Amino acid sequence: MALRLLSRRTLGSRLLRNRSSLASLHSHATSFGFQQVKEEEKSKLVGNVFTNVASSYDVMNDVMSAGLHRLWKERLVGKLSPFAGMKHLDVAGGTGDVAFRIFDAVNSVKRRELRKVDEASLEETQIYVCDINPNMLNVGKQRAADRGLRDNKSLVWVEGDAEALSFDDNSMDGYTIAFGIRNVTHIEKALAEAYRYKYSHQLDFSLSECCILSQCLITLRVLKRGGRFLCLELSHVDIPVFKDLYDLYSFQVIPNLGELIAGDRDSYQYLVESVRRFPPQERFATMIADAGFEKVEYENLVGGVVAIHSAIKL
């Protein structure tokens, strides 16, 4: 594992001057995997992907990662340091995998003893699980019921768009998004919020990166001062030989597993292609910092197969 902290000065030295014309900002084309599609088409296509895979989503995560995604999510929640009484937003987390871990951490007997947490503080805890896809949320709600948490008031299930959050400004202590930020889709929303920053700071961001920057700006809005942003995402491997093996596994094995287990090859072909379209680790860290976050850092896991980016709103 590698942990890297990016200072504002380091980030500034890596920013490229804007070489694009203003007219290019008004293009409506974006990427869906390796395809170029209209933004309204991508929204539907991504929606179809998660509708198709919802029932087998967690099983496929286990198979594709050999169960490692569980450790990655534990690492994510460990960095969050959940506490009783917190208000937390987990975006694109419909199946509840991250939210349940946060809930368990808050309610841990050992943690409660160390912090001398009272029941009133526990009851004030609210973990909002926000997902645009109702099928993913239904899977999460059923998993909550299976855990005996159907009526637990600490878990709040919200159908909502990550790029148009309905939560109040400065309302959340923490924000997590695991394997979801690659799928932001609304280019015009991104341009409306990210373009102003891009132009004033002369940054060279592609349209798809503007979408991601927009998501960072929205995240900054809902977090309280001192609130923490954490993103777990499939990322880029640069280690020779391992990269070749990883690419072989990604393009030759994962789509076949998707067809065998989920009956859906195309959705998992999109998954591996979307990872290659996602910005490299340092580029993404730059974007987070330029959205206004401080103390931006990232940690590579399994040689960069996944990375956890973290930052704080000050």
Protein backbone atom coordinates (compact mmCIF):
# COMPACT_ATOMS: atom_id res chain seq x y z
CA MET A 1 0.00 0.00 0.00
CA ALA A 2 1.15 3.52 -0.71
CA LEU A 3 -0.14 6.61 1.03
CA ARG A 4 0.44 9.92 -0.71
CA LEU A 5 -0.36 13.43 0.49
CA LEU A 6 -0.71 16.18 -2.06
CA SER A 7 -0.02 19.70 -0.89
CA ARG A 8 -1.65 22.68 -2.57
CA ARG A 9 1.78 23.77 -3.84
CA THR A 10 2.46 20.34 -5.35
CA LEU A 11 -0.96 20.33 -6.95
CA GLY A 12 -0.48 23.79 -8.37
CA SER A 13 2.77 22.84 -10.05
CA ARG A 14 1.00 20.02 -11.88
CA LEU A 15 -1.92 21.96 -13.28
CA LEU A 16 -1.93 22.32 -17.04
CA ARG A 17 -2.95 25.47 -18.87
CA ASN A 18 -6.28 25.36 -20.60
CA ARG A 19 -5.82 24.61 -24.29
CA SER A 20 -9.50 24.10 -25.12
CA SER A 21 -11.75 26.70 -26.68
CA LEU A 22 -14.83 27.83 -24.76
CA ALA A 23 -16.97 26.38 -27.52
CA SER A 24 -15.77 22.89 -26.68
CA LEU A 25 -17.37 23.20 -23.26
CA HIS A 26 -20.81 23.08 -24.82
CA SER A 27 -20.40 19.64 -26.36
CA HIS A 28 -23.01 17.13 -25.18
CA ALA A 29 -20.82 14.08 -25.82
CA THR A 30 -19.44 12.02 -22.96
CA SER A 31 -18.02 8.55 -22.48
CA PHE A 32 -19.85 5.35 -21.66
CA GLY A 33 -16.94 2.99 -21.31
CA PHE A 34 -15.01 3.36 -24.56
CA GLN A 35 -18.06 4.66 -26.45
CA GLN A 36 -18.93 8.30 -27.02
CA VAL A 37 -22.61 8.92 -26.27
CA LYS A 38 -24.92 11.83 -25.55
CA GLU A 39 -25.27 12.69 -21.89
CA GLU A 40 -28.96 11.79 -21.76
CA GLU A 41 -28.13 8.43 -23.31
CA LYS A 42 -25.39 7.76 -20.79
CA SER A 43 -27.75 8.39 -17.90
CA LYS A 44 -30.11 5.73 -19.25
CA LEU A 45 -27.32 3.33 -20.11
CA VAL A 46 -25.76 3.53 -16.65
CA GLY A 47 -29.21 3.15 -15.11
CA ASN A 48 -29.76 0.00 -17.16
CA VAL A 49 -26.41 -1.41 -16.05
CA PHE A 50 -27.29 -1.19 -12.37
CA THR A 51 -30.86 -2.32 -12.88
CA ASN A 52 -29.50 -5.43 -14.61
CA VAL A 53 -26.85 -6.23 -12.00
CA ALA A 54 -28.60 -5.17 -8.78
CA SER A 55 -29.55 -8.66 -7.61
CA SER A 56 -26.07 -10.09 -8.24
CA TYR A 57 -24.03 -6.95 -7.49
CA ASP A 58 -22.50 -8.03 -4.17
CA VAL A 59 -21.94 -11.61 -5.31
CA MET A 60 -20.08 -10.36 -8.38
CA ASN A 61 -17.98 -8.06 -6.19
CA ASP A 62 -16.96 -11.08 -4.14
CA VAL A 63 -16.12 -13.14 -7.21
CA MET A 64 -14.28 -10.42 -9.15
CA SER A 65 -12.15 -9.32 -6.19
CA ALA A 66 -11.83 -12.73 -4.51
CA GLY A 67 -13.53 -11.13 -1.51
CA LEU A 68 -10.98 -8.33 -1.23
CA HIS A 69 -13.65 -5.64 -1.68
CA ARG A 70 -14.73 -6.39 1.89
CA LEU A 71 -11.28 -5.47 3.19
CA TRP A 72 -11.18 -2.37 1.00
CA LYS A 73 -14.48 -1.17 2.42
CA GLU A 74 -13.31 -1.89 5.97
CA ARG A 75 -10.27 0.26 5.23
CA LEU A 76 -12.52 3.02 3.90
CA VAL A 77 -14.67 3.01 7.04
CA GLY A 78 -11.58 2.85 9.24
CA LYS A 79 -10.35 6.08 7.67
CA LEU A 80 -13.74 7.67 8.29
CA SER A 81 -13.59 6.99 12.06
CA PRO A 82 -17.38 6.92 12.57
CA PHE A 83 -18.77 8.27 15.82
CA ALA A 84 -22.09 8.17 17.64
CA GLY A 85 -24.42 11.01 16.75
CA MET A 86 -22.82 11.64 13.35
CA LYS A 87 -24.77 12.49 10.23
CA HIS A 88 -23.24 10.65 7.30
CA LEU A 89 -24.03 10.45 3.60
CA ASP A 90 -23.09 7.34 1.61
CA VAL A 91 -23.63 8.03 -2.09
CA ALA A 92 -24.14 5.34 -4.74
CA GLY A 93 -24.34 2.88 -1.86
CA GLY A 94 -27.74 1.36 -2.55
CA THR A 95 -26.97 -2.20 -1.42
CA GLY A 96 -25.86 -0.87 1.96
CA ASP A 97 -22.45 -2.51 2.00
CA VAL A 98 -20.63 0.59 3.26
CA ALA A 99 -23.54 1.91 5.35
CA PHE A 100 -23.82 -1.33 7.33
CA ARG A 101 -20.11 -1.18 8.13
CA ILE A 102 -20.46 2.40 9.36
CA PHE A 103 -23.50 1.40 11.42
CA ASP A 104 -21.61 -1.54 12.95
CA ALA A 105 -18.61 0.67 13.74
CA VAL A 106 -20.77 3.25 15.52
CA ASN A 107 -22.55 0.55 17.50
CA SER A 108 -19.44 -1.48 18.29
CA VAL A 109 -19.41 -2.43 21.97
CA LYS A 110 -15.66 -1.90 22.21
CA ARG A 111 -15.86 1.51 20.59
CA ARG A 112 -18.75 2.51 22.84
CA GLU A 113 -16.77 1.52 25.93
CA LEU A 114 -13.71 3.48 24.83
CA ARG A 115 -15.72 6.61 24.08
CA LYS A 116 -18.31 6.15 26.83
CA VAL A 117 -21.14 6.62 24.36
CA ASP A 118 -24.66 6.92 25.74
CA GLU A 119 -27.79 5.55 24.08
CA ALA A 120 -29.08 9.04 23.26
CA SER A 121 -26.05 9.72 21.07
CA LEU A 122 -26.51 6.40 19.29
CA GLU A 123 -30.12 7.23 18.55
CA GLU A 124 -29.09 10.57 17.01
CA THR A 125 -26.83 8.82 14.47
CA GLN A 126 -28.15 9.08 10.93
CA ILE A 127 -26.59 7.27 7.98
CA TYR A 128 -28.18 8.29 4.69
CA VAL A 129 -27.86 5.77 1.88
CA CYS A 130 -28.39 7.67 -1.37
CA ASP A 131 -28.68 5.93 -4.73
CA ILE A 132 -30.31 6.93 -7.99
CA ASN A 133 -31.33 3.34 -8.77
CA PRO A 134 -34.38 2.01 -6.86
CA ASN A 135 -33.41 -1.59 -7.60
CA MET A 136 -30.11 -1.16 -5.79
CA LEU A 137 -31.90 0.47 -2.86
CA ASN A 138 -34.39 -2.40 -2.70
CA VAL A 139 -31.51 -4.84 -2.37
CA GLY A 140 -30.12 -2.73 0.49
CA LYS A 141 -33.46 -2.50 2.26
CA GLN A 142 -33.91 -6.26 2.05
CA ARG A 143 -30.42 -6.77 3.46
CA ALA A 144 -31.32 -4.39 6.30
CA ALA A 145 -34.45 -6.43 6.98
CA ASP A 146 -32.39 -9.63 7.00
CA ARG A 147 -30.18 -8.02 9.64
CA GLY A 148 -33.17 -7.04 11.76
CA LEU A 149 -32.72 -3.38 10.86
CA ARG A 150 -35.83 -2.80 8.75
CA ASP A 151 -37.20 -0.14 11.12
CA ASN A 152 -33.92 1.18 12.47
CA LYS A 153 -34.06 4.98 12.38
CA SER A 154 -30.30 5.37 12.02
CA LEU A 155 -30.43 4.02 8.47
CA VAL A 156 -32.24 6.29 6.02
CA TRP A 157 -32.73 5.11 2.42
CA VAL A 158 -32.95 7.91 -0.14
CA GLU A 159 -33.52 7.64 -3.87
CA GLY A 160 -31.58 10.57 -5.25
CA ASP A 161 -29.16 11.84 -7.85
CA ALA A 162 -25.57 12.27 -6.68
CA GLU A 163 -25.33 15.40 -8.83
CA ALA A 164 -28.47 17.01 -7.42
CA LEU A 165 -28.42 16.20 -3.73
CA SER A 166 -31.45 17.30 -1.74
CA PHE A 167 -29.59 17.62 1.57
CA ASP A 168 -28.98 20.95 3.29
CA ASP A 169 -25.68 22.77 3.00
CA ASN A 170 -23.19 22.06 5.81
CA SER A 171 -25.33 19.21 7.13
CA MET A 172 -23.08 16.12 6.98
CA ASP A 173 -20.12 15.03 9.10
CA GLY A 174 -18.93 12.61 6.46
CA TYR A 175 -19.40 11.61 2.83
CA THR A 176 -18.40 8.30 1.26
CA ILE A 177 -18.75 7.00 -2.26
CA ALA A 178 -17.52 3.51 -3.17
CA PHE A 179 -17.25 2.39 -6.79
CA GLY A 180 -19.70 5.06 -7.89
CA ILE A 181 -18.02 8.28 -8.92
CA ARG A 182 -17.03 6.84 -12.32
CA ASN A 183 -20.70 6.87 -13.23
CA VAL A 184 -21.52 10.59 -12.92
CA THR A 185 -23.49 11.48 -16.03
CA HIS A 186 -24.99 14.96 -16.15
CA ILE A 187 -22.61 17.02 -18.27
CA GLU A 188 -24.65 20.24 -18.18
CA LYS A 189 -24.86 20.10 -14.39
CA ALA A 190 -21.11 19.57 -14.32
CA LEU A 191 -20.46 22.47 -16.66
CA ALA A 192 -22.76 24.79 -14.70
CA GLU A 193 -20.70 24.24 -11.54
CA ALA A 194 -17.27 23.19 -12.74
CA TYR A 195 -16.82 25.54 -15.70
CA ARG A 196 -16.62 28.67 -13.55
CA TYR A 197 -13.74 27.17 -11.61
CA LYS A 198 -12.10 25.74 -14.69
CA TYR A 199 -12.11 29.03 -16.54
CA SER A 200 -10.99 31.24 -13.67
CA HIS A 201 -8.08 28.93 -12.84
CA GLN A 202 -7.16 27.98 -16.42
CA LEU A 203 -7.34 24.25 -15.76
CA ASP A 204 -7.23 21.63 -18.51
CA PHE A 205 -10.11 19.33 -17.62
CA SER A 206 -11.94 17.10 -20.08
CA LEU A 207 -15.74 17.06 -20.11
CA SER A 208 -15.89 13.77 -18.21
CA GLU A 209 -13.50 15.20 -15.62
CA CYS A 210 -15.76 18.26 -15.31
CA CYS A 211 -18.52 15.88 -14.25
CA ILE A 212 -16.29 14.46 -11.53
CA LEU A 213 -15.18 17.93 -10.43
CA SER A 214 -18.83 18.95 -10.22
CA GLN A 215 -19.47 16.00 -7.92
CA CYS A 216 -16.61 17.16 -5.68
CA LEU A 217 -18.13 20.65 -5.55
CA ILE A 218 -21.52 19.23 -4.55
CA THR A 219 -19.85 17.09 -1.89
CA LEU A 220 -18.12 20.17 -0.49
CA ARG A 221 -21.48 21.91 -0.20
CA VAL A 222 -23.23 19.26 1.91
CA LEU A 223 -20.31 18.66 4.30
CA LYS A 224 -19.88 20.58 7.53
CA ARG A 225 -16.56 22.27 8.22
CA GLY A 226 -14.26 19.53 9.41
CA GLY A 227 -16.32 16.98 7.48
CA ARG A 228 -14.49 14.20 5.69
CA PHE A 229 -14.74 13.09 2.06
CA LEU A 230 -13.72 9.52 1.23
CA CYS A 231 -13.83 7.85 -2.16
CA LEU A 232 -13.04 4.18 -2.83
CA GLU A 233 -12.64 3.56 -6.54
CA LEU A 234 -11.08 1.15 -9.00
CA SER A 235 -8.01 2.89 -10.30
CA HIS A 236 -4.82 2.54 -12.34
CA VAL A 237 -2.01 0.00 -12.02
CA ASP A 238 1.43 1.16 -13.18
CA ILE A 239 3.55 -1.76 -12.01
CA PRO A 240 5.13 -3.53 -15.01
CA VAL A 241 4.00 -7.13 -15.62
CA PHE A 242 1.29 -6.79 -12.94
CA LYS A 243 -0.41 -4.18 -15.11
CA ASP A 244 -0.40 -6.57 -18.08
CA LEU A 245 -1.84 -9.37 -15.95
CA TYR A 246 -4.46 -7.04 -14.51
CA ASP A 247 -5.51 -5.86 -17.98
CA LEU A 248 -5.75 -9.46 -19.16
CA TYR A 249 -7.92 -10.35 -16.17
CA SER A 250 -10.08 -7.24 -16.59
CA PHE A 251 -10.85 -7.61 -20.29
CA GLN A 252 -10.81 -11.37 -20.70
CA VAL A 253 -12.09 -12.74 -17.39
CA ILE A 254 -14.43 -10.18 -15.79
CA PRO A 255 -16.91 -9.90 -18.72
CA ASN A 256 -17.06 -13.70 -18.90
CA LEU A 257 -17.73 -13.89 -15.16
CA GLY A 258 -20.49 -11.33 -15.62
CA GLU A 259 -22.09 -13.48 -18.31
CA LEU A 260 -21.73 -16.67 -16.27
CA ILE A 261 -22.92 -15.39 -12.89
CA ALA A 262 -25.09 -12.36 -13.65
CA GLY A 263 -26.15 -13.29 -17.18
CA ASP A 264 -24.87 -9.88 -18.33
CA ARG A 265 -21.58 -9.61 -20.17
CA ASP A 266 -22.13 -6.08 -21.47
CA SER A 267 -22.53 -4.46 -18.04
CA TYR A 268 -19.20 -5.83 -16.87
CA GLN A 269 -17.54 -4.89 -20.14
CA TYR A 270 -18.68 -1.34 -19.35
CA LEU A 271 -17.25 -1.65 -15.84
CA VAL A 272 -13.71 -2.45 -16.99
CA GLU A 273 -13.83 0.18 -19.72
CA SER A 274 -15.10 2.86 -17.33
CA VAL A 275 -12.16 2.21 -15.01
CA ARG A 276 -9.74 2.99 -17.85
CA ARG A 277 -11.61 6.23 -18.54
CA PHE A 278 -11.36 7.35 -14.91
CA PRO A 279 -8.57 9.84 -14.08
CA PRO A 280 -5.34 8.42 -12.60
CA GLN A 281 -4.85 8.75 -8.87
CA GLU A 282 -2.90 12.02 -8.80
CA ARG A 283 -5.12 13.61 -11.41
CA PHE A 284 -8.21 12.78 -9.34
CA ALA A 285 -6.50 14.13 -6.21
CA THR A 286 -5.84 17.37 -8.09
CA MET A 287 -9.52 17.63 -8.97
CA ILE A 288 -10.58 17.08 -5.36
CA ALA A 289 -8.24 19.83 -4.19
CA ASP A 290 -9.45 22.21 -6.86
CA ALA A 291 -13.02 21.69 -5.70
CA GLY A 292 -11.91 23.35 -2.44
CA PHE A 293 -10.95 20.43 -0.20
CA GLU A 294 -7.85 20.43 1.99
CA LYS A 295 -5.47 17.71 3.20
CA VAL A 296 -6.04 15.65 0.07
CA GLU A 297 -4.34 12.28 0.08
CA TYR A 298 -4.74 8.88 -1.48
CA GLU A 299 -3.74 5.34 -0.69
CA ASN A 300 -3.19 2.67 -3.32
CA LEU A 301 -4.32 -0.85 -2.47
CA VAL A 302 -3.19 -3.97 -4.34
CA GLY A 303 -0.78 -1.99 -6.45
CA GLY A 304 -3.34 0.56 -7.54
CA VAL A 305 -6.17 -1.80 -8.48
CA VAL A 306 -8.16 0.38 -6.12
CA ALA A 307 -7.39 3.68 -4.41
CA ILE A 308 -8.92 5.47 -1.46
CA HIS A 309 -8.90 9.25 -1.78
CA SER A 310 -9.61 11.30 1.31
CA ALA A 311 -9.94 15.00 2.05
CA ILE A 312 -11.35 17.42 4.60
CA LYS A 313 -13.53 20.50 4.28
CA LEU A 314 -11.97 23.29 6.36
